[in-house]
Amino acid sequence: MTDLIDCTAELQSTHPEYLLDNSIVILTASQLAILRRFLDGLSDIGDDLNFVIERCVDEDPGYNLCWDNDGRREQDDELTRRIYTLCRELGFI
């Protein structure tokens, strides 16, 4: 069994622009580092990015990842590619 931690409050403090007030993030410490790196890299998609993580939970087994972006089509396409990579790096797929 992996050591899952509720990372929500920490990410709301460090990356508030990417989380809602009711977002939930429960991951291992190593997964949290991967998610932080992912969030840090989003700024190159555009200043008008409207991306938020609603839920990112390692259910061990399984996972629950919900996100939203009300941005431009090109941003949505790029986010879809990056989310797929993120899911692989987190071990979700």
PDB file of N, CA and C in Angstrom:
ATOM      1  N   MET A   1       0.846  -1.188   0.000  1.00  0.00           N
ATOM      2  CA  MET A   1       0.000   0.000   0.000  1.00  0.00           C
ATOM      3  C   MET A   1       0.886   1.245   0.000  1.00  0.00           C
ATOM      4  N   THR A   2       0.556   2.172  -0.824  1.00  0.00           N
ATOM      5  CA  THR A   2       1.328   3.412  -0.910  1.00  0.00           C
ATOM      6  C   THR A   2       0.863   4.394   0.157  1.00  0.00           C
ATOM      7  N   ASP A   3       1.731   5.309   0.506  1.00  0.00           N
ATOM      8  CA  ASP A   3       1.394   6.328   1.494  1.00  0.00           C
ATOM      9  C   ASP A   3       0.775   7.529   0.800  1.00  0.00           C
ATOM     10  N   LEU A   4      -0.536   7.543   0.735  1.00  0.00           N
ATOM     11  CA  LEU A   4      -1.252   8.654   0.108  1.00  0.00           C
ATOM     12  C   LEU A   4      -1.444   9.777   1.115  1.00  0.00           C
ATOM     13  N   ILE A   5      -1.287  11.001   0.636  1.00  0.00           N
ATOM     14  CA  ILE A   5      -1.474  12.167   1.491  1.00  0.00           C
ATOM     15  C   ILE A   5      -2.414  13.158   0.819  1.00  0.00           C
ATOM     16  N   ASP A   6      -3.152  13.883   1.614  1.00  0.00           N
ATOM     17  CA  ASP A   6      -4.019  14.933   1.083  1.00  0.00           C
ATOM     18  C   ASP A   6      -3.144  16.161   0.840  1.00  0.00           C
ATOM     19  N   CYS A   7      -2.909  16.449  -0.419  1.00  0.00           N
ATOM     20  CA  CYS A   7      -2.017  17.540  -0.842  1.00  0.00           C
ATOM     21  C   CYS A   7      -2.790  18.808  -1.190  1.00  0.00           C
ATOM     22  N   THR A   8      -4.088  18.793  -0.990  1.00  0.00           N
ATOM     23  CA  THR A   8      -4.943  19.879  -1.456  1.00  0.00           C
ATOM     24  C   THR A   8      -4.532  21.232  -0.890  1.00  0.00           C
ATOM     25  N   ALA A   9      -4.431  21.326   0.420  1.00  0.00           N
ATOM     26  CA  ALA A   9      -4.118  22.615   1.053  1.00  0.00           C
ATOM     27  C   ALA A   9      -2.755  23.139   0.603  1.00  0.00           C
ATOM     28  N   GLU A  10      -1.791  22.247   0.491  1.00  0.00           N
ATOM     29  CA  GLU A  10      -0.454  22.662   0.054  1.00  0.00           C
ATOM     30  C   GLU A  10      -0.495  23.235  -1.363  1.00  0.00           C
ATOM     31  N   LEU A  11      -1.186  22.538  -2.275  1.00  0.00           N
ATOM     32  CA  LEU A  11      -1.268  23.030  -3.651  1.00  0.00           C
ATOM     33  C   LEU A  11      -2.123  24.292  -3.761  1.00  0.00           C
ATOM     34  N   GLN A  12      -3.133  24.420  -2.914  1.00  0.00           N
ATOM     35  CA  GLN A  12      -3.918  25.661  -2.926  1.00  0.00           C
ATOM     36  C   GLN A  12      -3.057  26.833  -2.466  1.00  0.00           C
ATOM     37  N   SER A  13      -2.051  26.537  -1.677  1.00  0.00           N
ATOM     38  CA  SER A  13      -1.132  27.573  -1.225  1.00  0.00           C
ATOM     39  C   SER A  13      -0.069  27.889  -2.282  1.00  0.00           C
ATOM     40  N   THR A  14       0.462  26.861  -2.923  1.00  0.00           N
ATOM     41  CA  THR A  14       1.559  27.068  -3.871  1.00  0.00           C
ATOM     42  C   THR A  14       1.103  27.319  -5.303  1.00  0.00           C
ATOM     43  N   HIS A  15      -0.057  26.795  -5.687  1.00  0.00           N
ATOM     44  CA  HIS A  15      -0.568  26.922  -7.058  1.00  0.00           C
ATOM     45  C   HIS A  15      -2.058  27.266  -7.051  1.00  0.00           C
ATOM     46  N   PRO A  16      -2.448  28.324  -6.371  1.00  0.00           N
ATOM     47  CA  PRO A  16      -3.880  28.622  -6.216  1.00  0.00           C
ATOM     48  C   PRO A  16      -4.602  28.888  -7.543  1.00  0.00           C
ATOM     49  N   GLU A  17      -3.874  29.331  -8.545  1.00  0.00           N
ATOM     50  CA  GLU A  17      -4.493  29.624  -9.833  1.00  0.00           C
ATOM     51  C   GLU A  17      -4.976  28.372 -10.553  1.00  0.00           C
ATOM     52  N   TYR A  18      -4.531  27.204 -10.103  1.00  0.00           N
ATOM     53  CA  TYR A  18      -4.883  25.953 -10.780  1.00  0.00           C
ATOM     54  C   TYR A  18      -5.812  25.050  -9.967  1.00  0.00           C
ATOM     55  N   LEU A  19      -6.279  25.526  -8.821  1.00  0.00           N
ATOM     56  CA  LEU A  19      -7.187  24.727  -8.000  1.00  0.00           C
ATOM     57  C   LEU A  19      -8.403  25.546  -7.607  1.00  0.00           C
ATOM     58  N   LEU A  20      -9.524  24.881  -7.504  1.00  0.00           N
ATOM     59  CA  LEU A  20     -10.746  25.507  -7.004  1.00  0.00           C
ATOM     60  C   LEU A  20     -10.778  25.384  -5.490  1.00  0.00           C
ATOM     61  N   ASP A  21     -11.671  26.112  -4.857  1.00  0.00           N
ATOM     62  CA  ASP A  21     -11.809  26.003  -3.403  1.00  0.00           C
ATOM     63  C   ASP A  21     -12.192  24.596  -2.972  1.00  0.00           C
ATOM     64  N   ASN A  22     -12.934  23.884  -3.811  1.00  0.00           N
ATOM     65  CA  ASN A  22     -13.384  22.541  -3.447  1.00  0.00           C
ATOM     66  C   ASN A  22     -12.615  21.438  -4.178  1.00  0.00           C
ATOM     67  N   SER A  23     -11.448  21.754  -4.738  1.00  0.00           N
ATOM     68  CA  SER A  23     -10.614  20.744  -5.389  1.00  0.00           C
ATOM     69  C   SER A  23     -10.101  19.743  -4.362  1.00  0.00           C
ATOM     70  N   ILE A  24      -9.807  18.542  -4.823  1.00  0.00           N
ATOM     71  CA  ILE A  24      -9.261  17.488  -3.967  1.00  0.00           C
ATOM     72  C   ILE A  24      -8.062  16.882  -4.677  1.00  0.00           C
ATOM     73  N   VAL A  25      -6.929  16.830  -3.968  1.00  0.00           N
ATOM     74  CA  VAL A  25      -5.722  16.217  -4.505  1.00  0.00           C
ATOM     75  C   VAL A  25      -5.157  15.279  -3.443  1.00  0.00           C
ATOM     76  N   ILE A  26      -5.154  13.985  -3.746  1.00  0.00           N
ATOM     77  CA  ILE A  26      -4.620  12.978  -2.827  1.00  0.00           C
ATOM     78  C   ILE A  26      -3.662  12.099  -3.619  1.00  0.00           C
ATOM     79  N   LEU A  27      -2.383  12.217  -3.294  1.00  0.00           N
ATOM     80  CA  LEU A  27      -1.323  11.535  -4.032  1.00  0.00           C
ATOM     81  C   LEU A  27      -0.225  11.097  -3.072  1.00  0.00           C
ATOM     82  N   THR A  28       0.748  10.356  -3.589  1.00  0.00           N
ATOM     83  CA  THR A  28       1.954  10.069  -2.817  1.00  0.00           C
ATOM     84  C   THR A  28       2.884  11.282  -2.940  1.00  0.00           C
ATOM     85  N   ALA A  29       3.923  11.311  -2.121  1.00  0.00           N
ATOM     86  CA  ALA A  29       4.886  12.417  -2.174  1.00  0.00           C
ATOM     87  C   ALA A  29       5.562  12.491  -3.545  1.00  0.00           C
ATOM     88  N   SER A  30       5.914  11.350  -4.108  1.00  0.00           N
ATOM     89  CA  SER A  30       6.570  11.369  -5.415  1.00  0.00           C
ATOM     90  C   SER A  30       5.604  11.815  -6.519  1.00  0.00           C
ATOM     91  N   GLN A  31       4.340  11.434  -6.426  1.00  0.00           N
ATOM     92  CA  GLN A  31       3.349  11.899  -7.397  1.00  0.00           C
ATOM     93  C   GLN A  31       3.123  13.407  -7.267  1.00  0.00           C
ATOM     94  N   LEU A  32       3.138  13.907  -6.044  1.00  0.00           N
ATOM     95  CA  LEU A  32       2.967  15.340  -5.819  1.00  0.00           C
ATOM     96  C   LEU A  32       4.074  16.125  -6.518  1.00  0.00           C
ATOM     97  N   ALA A  33       5.298  15.634  -6.456  1.00  0.00           N
ATOM     98  CA  ALA A  33       6.417  16.309  -7.133  1.00  0.00           C
ATOM     99  C   ALA A  33       6.175  16.349  -8.645  1.00  0.00           C
ATOM    100  N   ILE A  34       5.642  15.283  -9.200  1.00  0.00           N
ATOM    101  CA  ILE A  34       5.332  15.229 -10.633  1.00  0.00           C
ATOM    102  C   ILE A  34       4.238  16.232 -10.973  1.00  0.00           C
ATOM    103  N   LEU A  35       3.197  16.289 -10.147  1.00  0.00           N
ATOM    104  CA  LEU A  35       2.098  17.230 -10.397  1.00  0.00           C
ATOM    105  C   LEU A  35       2.579  18.673 -10.279  1.00  0.00           C
ATOM    106  N   ARG A  36       3.415  18.963  -9.302  1.00  0.00           N
ATOM    107  CA  ARG A  36       3.966  20.319  -9.166  1.00  0.00           C
ATOM    108  C   ARG A  36       4.734  20.723 -10.424  1.00  0.00           C
ATOM    109  N   ARG A  37       5.568  19.817 -10.911  1.00  0.00           N
ATOM    110  CA  ARG A  37       6.345  20.097 -12.121  1.00  0.00           C
ATOM    111  C   ARG A  37       5.412  20.356 -13.308  1.00  0.00           C
ATOM    112  N   PHE A  38       4.343  19.569 -13.408  1.00  0.00           N
ATOM    113  CA  PHE A  38       3.343  19.761 -14.454  1.00  0.00           C
ATOM    114  C   PHE A  38       2.723  21.152 -14.353  1.00  0.00           C
ATOM    115  N   LEU A  39       2.281  21.530 -13.155  1.00  0.00           N
ATOM    116  CA  LEU A  39       1.643  22.837 -12.956  1.00  0.00           C
ATOM    117  C   LEU A  39       2.605  23.976 -13.241  1.00  0.00           C
ATOM    118  N   ASP A  40       3.860  23.822 -12.831  1.00  0.00           N
ATOM    119  CA  ASP A  40       4.861  24.861 -13.083  1.00  0.00           C
ATOM    120  C   ASP A  40       5.085  25.085 -14.573  1.00  0.00           C
ATOM    121  N   GLY A  41       4.880  24.062 -15.381  1.00  0.00           N
ATOM    122  CA  GLY A  41       5.111  24.166 -16.810  1.00  0.00           C
ATOM    123  C   GLY A  41       3.936  24.702 -17.613  1.00  0.00           C
ATOM    124  N   LEU A  42       2.807  24.938 -16.967  1.00  0.00           N
ATOM    125  CA  LEU A  42       1.617  25.368 -17.701  1.00  0.00           C
ATOM    126  C   LEU A  42       1.679  26.807 -18.206  1.00  0.00           C
ATOM    127  N   SER A  43       2.509  27.626 -17.612  1.00  0.00           N
ATOM    128  CA  SER A  43       2.538  29.042 -17.988  1.00  0.00           C
ATOM    129  C   SER A  43       2.930  29.254 -19.446  1.00  0.00           C
ATOM    130  N   ASP A  44       3.628  28.300 -20.040  1.00  0.00           N
ATOM    131  CA  ASP A  44       4.028  28.488 -21.439  1.00  0.00           C
ATOM    132  C   ASP A  44       2.895  28.215 -22.434  1.00  0.00           C
ATOM    133  N   ILE A  45       1.726  27.799 -21.945  1.00  0.00           N
ATOM    134  CA  ILE A  45       0.583  27.583 -22.834  1.00  0.00           C
ATOM    135  C   ILE A  45      -0.116  28.909 -23.148  1.00  0.00           C
ATOM    136  N   GLY A  46       0.018  29.883 -22.267  1.00  0.00           N
ATOM    137  CA  GLY A  46      -0.573  31.192 -22.518  1.00  0.00           C
ATOM    138  C   GLY A  46      -1.019  31.868 -21.237  1.00  0.00           C
ATOM    139  N   ASP A  47      -0.945  33.187 -21.244  1.00  0.00           N
ATOM    140  CA  ASP A  47      -1.336  33.961 -20.065  1.00  0.00           C
ATOM    141  C   ASP A  47      -2.828  33.863 -19.783  1.00  0.00           C
ATOM    142  N   ASP A  48      -3.606  33.571 -20.808  1.00  0.00           N
ATOM    143  CA  ASP A  48      -5.058  33.515 -20.640  1.00  0.00           C
ATOM    144  C   ASP A  48      -5.569  32.100 -20.360  1.00  0.00           C
ATOM    145  N   LEU A  49      -4.669  31.208 -19.978  1.00  0.00           N
ATOM    146  CA  LEU A  49      -5.062  29.841 -19.643  1.00  0.00           C
ATOM    147  C   LEU A  49      -6.043  29.864 -18.481  1.00  0.00           C
ATOM    148  N   ASN A  50      -7.080  29.071 -18.587  1.00  0.00           N
ATOM    149  CA  ASN A  50      -8.110  29.024 -17.541  1.00  0.00           C
ATOM    150  C   ASN A  50      -8.242  27.602 -17.027  1.00  0.00           C
ATOM    151  N   PHE A  51      -7.105  26.950 -16.778  1.00  0.00           N
ATOM    152  CA  PHE A  51      -7.050  25.554 -16.370  1.00  0.00           C
ATOM    153  C   PHE A  51      -7.206  25.418 -14.863  1.00  0.00           C
ATOM    154  N   VAL A  52      -8.002  24.444 -14.434  1.00  0.00           N
ATOM    155  CA  VAL A  52      -8.099  24.098 -13.015  1.00  0.00           C
ATOM    156  C   VAL A  52      -8.187  22.582 -12.868  1.00  0.00           C
ATOM    157  N   ILE A  53      -7.606  22.099 -11.789  1.00  0.00           N
ATOM    158  CA  ILE A  53      -7.763  20.702 -11.398  1.00  0.00           C
ATOM    159  C   ILE A  53      -8.921  20.660 -10.414  1.00  0.00           C
ATOM    160  N   GLU A  54      -9.909  19.865 -10.740  1.00  0.00           N
ATOM    161  CA  GLU A  54     -11.043  19.694  -9.829  1.00  0.00           C
ATOM    162  C   GLU A  54     -10.784  18.538  -8.873  1.00  0.00           C
ATOM    163  N   ARG A  55     -10.144  17.491  -9.387  1.00  0.00           N
ATOM    164  CA  ARG A  55      -9.894  16.300  -8.585  1.00  0.00           C
ATOM    165  C   ARG A  55      -8.710  15.545  -9.175  1.00  0.00           C
ATOM    166  N   CYS A  56      -7.776  15.160  -8.325  1.00  0.00           N
ATOM    167  CA  CYS A  56      -6.643  14.334  -8.743  1.00  0.00           C
ATOM    168  C   CYS A  56      -6.348  13.390  -7.580  1.00  0.00           C
ATOM    169  N   VAL A  57      -6.882  12.174  -7.683  1.00  0.00           N
ATOM    170  CA  VAL A  57      -6.814  11.234  -6.568  1.00  0.00           C
ATOM    171  C   VAL A  57      -6.298   9.884  -7.058  1.00  0.00           C
ATOM    172  N   ASP A  58      -5.242   9.402  -6.416  1.00  0.00           N
ATOM    173  CA  ASP A  58      -4.774   8.045  -6.647  1.00  0.00           C
ATOM    174  C   ASP A  58      -5.602   7.156  -5.731  1.00  0.00           C
ATOM    175  N   GLU A  59      -6.488   6.359  -6.315  1.00  0.00           N
ATOM    176  CA  GLU A  59      -7.391   5.537  -5.503  1.00  0.00           C
ATOM    177  C   GLU A  59      -6.783   4.182  -5.180  1.00  0.00           C
ATOM    178  N   ASP A  60      -5.661   3.860  -5.786  1.00  0.00           N
ATOM    179  CA  ASP A  60      -4.844   2.688  -5.467  1.00  0.00           C
ATOM    180  C   ASP A  60      -5.644   1.462  -5.074  1.00  0.00           C
ATOM    181  N   PRO A  61      -6.247   0.725  -5.979  1.00  0.00           N
ATOM    182  CA  PRO A  61      -6.057   0.803  -7.425  1.00  0.00           C
ATOM    183  C   PRO A  61      -7.040   1.781  -8.059  1.00  0.00           C
ATOM    184  N   GLY A  62      -6.665   2.239  -9.204  1.00  0.00           N
ATOM    185  CA  GLY A  62      -7.493   3.187  -9.937  1.00  0.00           C
ATOM    186  C   GLY A  62      -7.097   4.623  -9.647  1.00  0.00           C
ATOM    187  N   TYR A  63      -7.783   5.539 -10.323  1.00  0.00           N
ATOM    188  CA  TYR A  63      -7.514   6.961 -10.140  1.00  0.00           C
ATOM    189  C   TYR A  63      -8.736   7.759 -10.551  1.00  0.00           C
ATOM    190  N   ASN A  64      -8.755   9.008 -10.125  1.00  0.00           N
ATOM    191  CA  ASN A  64      -9.833   9.919 -10.479  1.00  0.00           C
ATOM    192  C   ASN A  64      -9.184  11.262 -10.801  1.00  0.00           C
ATOM    193  N   LEU A  65      -9.243  11.657 -12.059  1.00  0.00           N
ATOM    194  CA  LEU A  65      -8.660  12.930 -12.482  1.00  0.00           C
ATOM    195  C   LEU A  65      -9.704  13.710 -13.264  1.00  0.00           C
ATOM    196  N   CYS A  66     -10.081  14.865 -12.734  1.00  0.00           N
ATOM    197  CA  CYS A  66     -11.027  15.757 -13.403  1.00  0.00           C
ATOM    198  C   CYS A  66     -10.384  17.134 -13.494  1.00  0.00           C
ATOM    199  N   TRP A  67     -10.503  17.734 -14.657  1.00  0.00           N
ATOM    200  CA  TRP A  67      -9.934  19.061 -14.879  1.00  0.00           C
ATOM    201  C   TRP A  67     -10.815  19.807 -15.861  1.00  0.00           C
ATOM    202  N   ASP A  68     -10.611  21.110 -15.914  1.00  0.00           N
ATOM    203  CA  ASP A  68     -11.393  21.931 -16.821  1.00  0.00           C
ATOM    204  C   ASP A  68     -10.516  23.057 -17.335  1.00  0.00           C
ATOM    205  N   ASN A  69     -10.778  23.438 -18.566  1.00  0.00           N
ATOM    206  CA  ASN A  69     -10.119  24.599 -19.140  1.00  0.00           C
ATOM    207  C   ASN A  69     -11.119  25.289 -20.055  1.00  0.00           C
ATOM    208  N   ASP A  70     -11.375  26.532 -19.796  1.00  0.00           N
ATOM    209  CA  ASP A  70     -12.282  27.310 -20.636  1.00  0.00           C
ATOM    210  C   ASP A  70     -11.486  28.213 -21.563  1.00  0.00           C
ATOM    211  N   GLY A  71     -10.383  27.695 -22.048  1.00  0.00           N
ATOM    212  CA  GLY A  71      -9.509  28.482 -22.907  1.00  0.00           C
ATOM    213  C   GLY A  71      -9.778  28.244 -24.375  1.00  0.00           C
ATOM    214  N   ARG A  72      -8.809  28.632 -25.159  1.00  0.00           N
ATOM    215  CA  ARG A  72      -8.900  28.485 -26.612  1.00  0.00           C
ATOM    216  C   ARG A  72      -8.707  27.034 -27.039  1.00  0.00           C
ATOM    217  N   ARG A  73      -9.142  26.720 -28.229  1.00  0.00           N
ATOM    218  CA  ARG A  73      -9.054  25.354 -28.771  1.00  0.00           C
ATOM    219  C   ARG A  73      -7.608  24.832 -28.755  1.00  0.00           C
ATOM    220  N   GLU A  74      -6.661  25.692 -29.155  1.00  0.00           N
ATOM    221  CA  GLU A  74      -5.254  25.271 -29.169  1.00  0.00           C
ATOM    222  C   GLU A  74      -4.776  24.916 -27.764  1.00  0.00           C
ATOM    223  N   GLN A  75      -5.242  25.681 -26.762  1.00  0.00           N
ATOM    224  CA  GLN A  75      -4.875  25.390 -25.379  1.00  0.00           C
ATOM    225  C   GLN A  75      -5.472  24.055 -24.942  1.00  0.00           C
ATOM    226  N   ASP A  76      -6.726  23.830 -25.291  1.00  0.00           N
ATOM    227  CA  ASP A  76      -7.368  22.569 -24.946  1.00  0.00           C
ATOM    228  C   ASP A  76      -6.620  21.385 -25.543  1.00  0.00           C
ATOM    229  N   ASP A  77      -6.225  21.517 -26.798  1.00  0.00           N
ATOM    230  CA  ASP A  77      -5.490  20.440 -27.464  1.00  0.00           C
ATOM    231  C   ASP A  77      -4.152  20.176 -26.777  1.00  0.00           C
ATOM    232  N   GLU A  78      -3.433  21.242 -26.448  1.00  0.00           N
ATOM    233  CA  GLU A  78      -2.144  21.089 -25.768  1.00  0.00           C
ATOM    234  C   GLU A  78      -2.335  20.496 -24.376  1.00  0.00           C
ATOM    235  N   LEU A  79      -3.349  20.941 -23.655  1.00  0.00           N
ATOM    236  CA  LEU A  79      -3.617  20.386 -22.326  1.00  0.00           C
ATOM    237  C   LEU A  79      -3.969  18.909 -22.400  1.00  0.00           C
ATOM    238  N   THR A  80      -4.718  18.514 -23.391  1.00  0.00           N
ATOM    239  CA  THR A  80      -5.063  17.098 -23.550  1.00  0.00           C
ATOM    240  C   THR A  80      -3.801  16.259 -23.704  1.00  0.00           C
ATOM    241  N   ARG A  81      -2.861  16.732 -24.514  1.00  0.00           N
ATOM    242  CA  ARG A  81      -1.590  16.021 -24.673  1.00  0.00           C
ATOM    243  C   ARG A  81      -0.816  15.968 -23.355  1.00  0.00           C
ATOM    244  N   ARG A  82      -0.776  17.090 -22.664  1.00  0.00           N
ATOM    245  CA  ARG A  82      -0.011  17.130 -21.408  1.00  0.00           C
ATOM    246  C   ARG A  82      -0.678  16.309 -20.301  1.00  0.00           C
ATOM    247  N   ILE A  83      -1.980  16.313 -20.259  1.00  0.00           N
ATOM    248  CA  ILE A  83      -2.695  15.521 -19.245  1.00  0.00           C
ATOM    249  C   ILE A  83      -2.429  14.036 -19.473  1.00  0.00           C
ATOM    250  N   TYR A  84      -2.413  13.607 -20.720  1.00  0.00           N
ATOM    251  CA  TYR A  84      -2.106  12.206 -21.023  1.00  0.00           C
ATOM    252  C   TYR A  84      -0.718  11.842 -20.486  1.00  0.00           C
ATOM    253  N   THR A  85       0.259  12.708 -20.750  1.00  0.00           N
ATOM    254  CA  THR A  85       1.621  12.481 -20.248  1.00  0.00           C
ATOM    255  C   THR A  85       1.638  12.492 -18.725  1.00  0.00           C
ATOM    256  N   LEU A  86       0.921  13.425 -18.116  1.00  0.00           N
ATOM    257  CA  LEU A  86       0.848  13.486 -16.662  1.00  0.00           C
ATOM    258  C   LEU A  86       0.286  12.185 -16.097  1.00  0.00           C
ATOM    259  N   CYS A  87      -0.779  11.679 -16.684  1.00  0.00           N
ATOM    260  CA  CYS A  87      -1.379  10.426 -16.202  1.00  0.00           C
ATOM    261  C   CYS A  87      -0.381   9.275 -16.276  1.00  0.00           C
ATOM    262  N   ARG A  88       0.393   9.214 -17.342  1.00  0.00           N
ATOM    263  CA  ARG A  88       1.418   8.176 -17.457  1.00  0.00           C
ATOM    264  C   ARG A  88       2.486   8.348 -16.379  1.00  0.00           C
ATOM    265  N   GLU A  89       2.939   9.592 -16.168  1.00  0.00           N
ATOM    266  CA  GLU A  89       4.003   9.836 -15.182  1.00  0.00           C
ATOM    267  C   GLU A  89       3.520   9.576 -13.759  1.00  0.00           C
ATOM    268  N   LEU A  90       2.241   9.827 -13.506  1.00  0.00           N
ATOM    269  CA  LEU A  90       1.677   9.548 -12.173  1.00  0.00           C
ATOM    270  C   LEU A  90       1.426   8.063 -11.938  1.00  0.00           C
ATOM    271  N   GLY A  91       1.506   7.275 -13.015  1.00  0.00           N
ATOM    272  CA  GLY A  91       1.253   5.834 -12.904  1.00  0.00           C
ATOM    273  C   GLY A  91      -0.218   5.494 -12.967  1.00  0.00           C
ATOM    274  N   PHE A  92      -1.026   6.426 -13.448  1.00  0.00           N
ATOM    275  CA  PHE A  92      -2.472   6.194 -13.544  1.00  0.00           C
ATOM    276  C   PHE A  92      -2.812   5.303 -14.740  1.00  0.00           C
ATOM    277  N   ILE A  93      -2.011   5.408 -15.809  1.00  0.00           N
ATOM    278  CA  ILE A  93      -2.256   4.579 -16.999  1.00  0.00           C
ATOM    279  C   ILE A  93      -0.965   3.925 -17.437  1.00  0.00           C
TER     280      ILE A  93
END
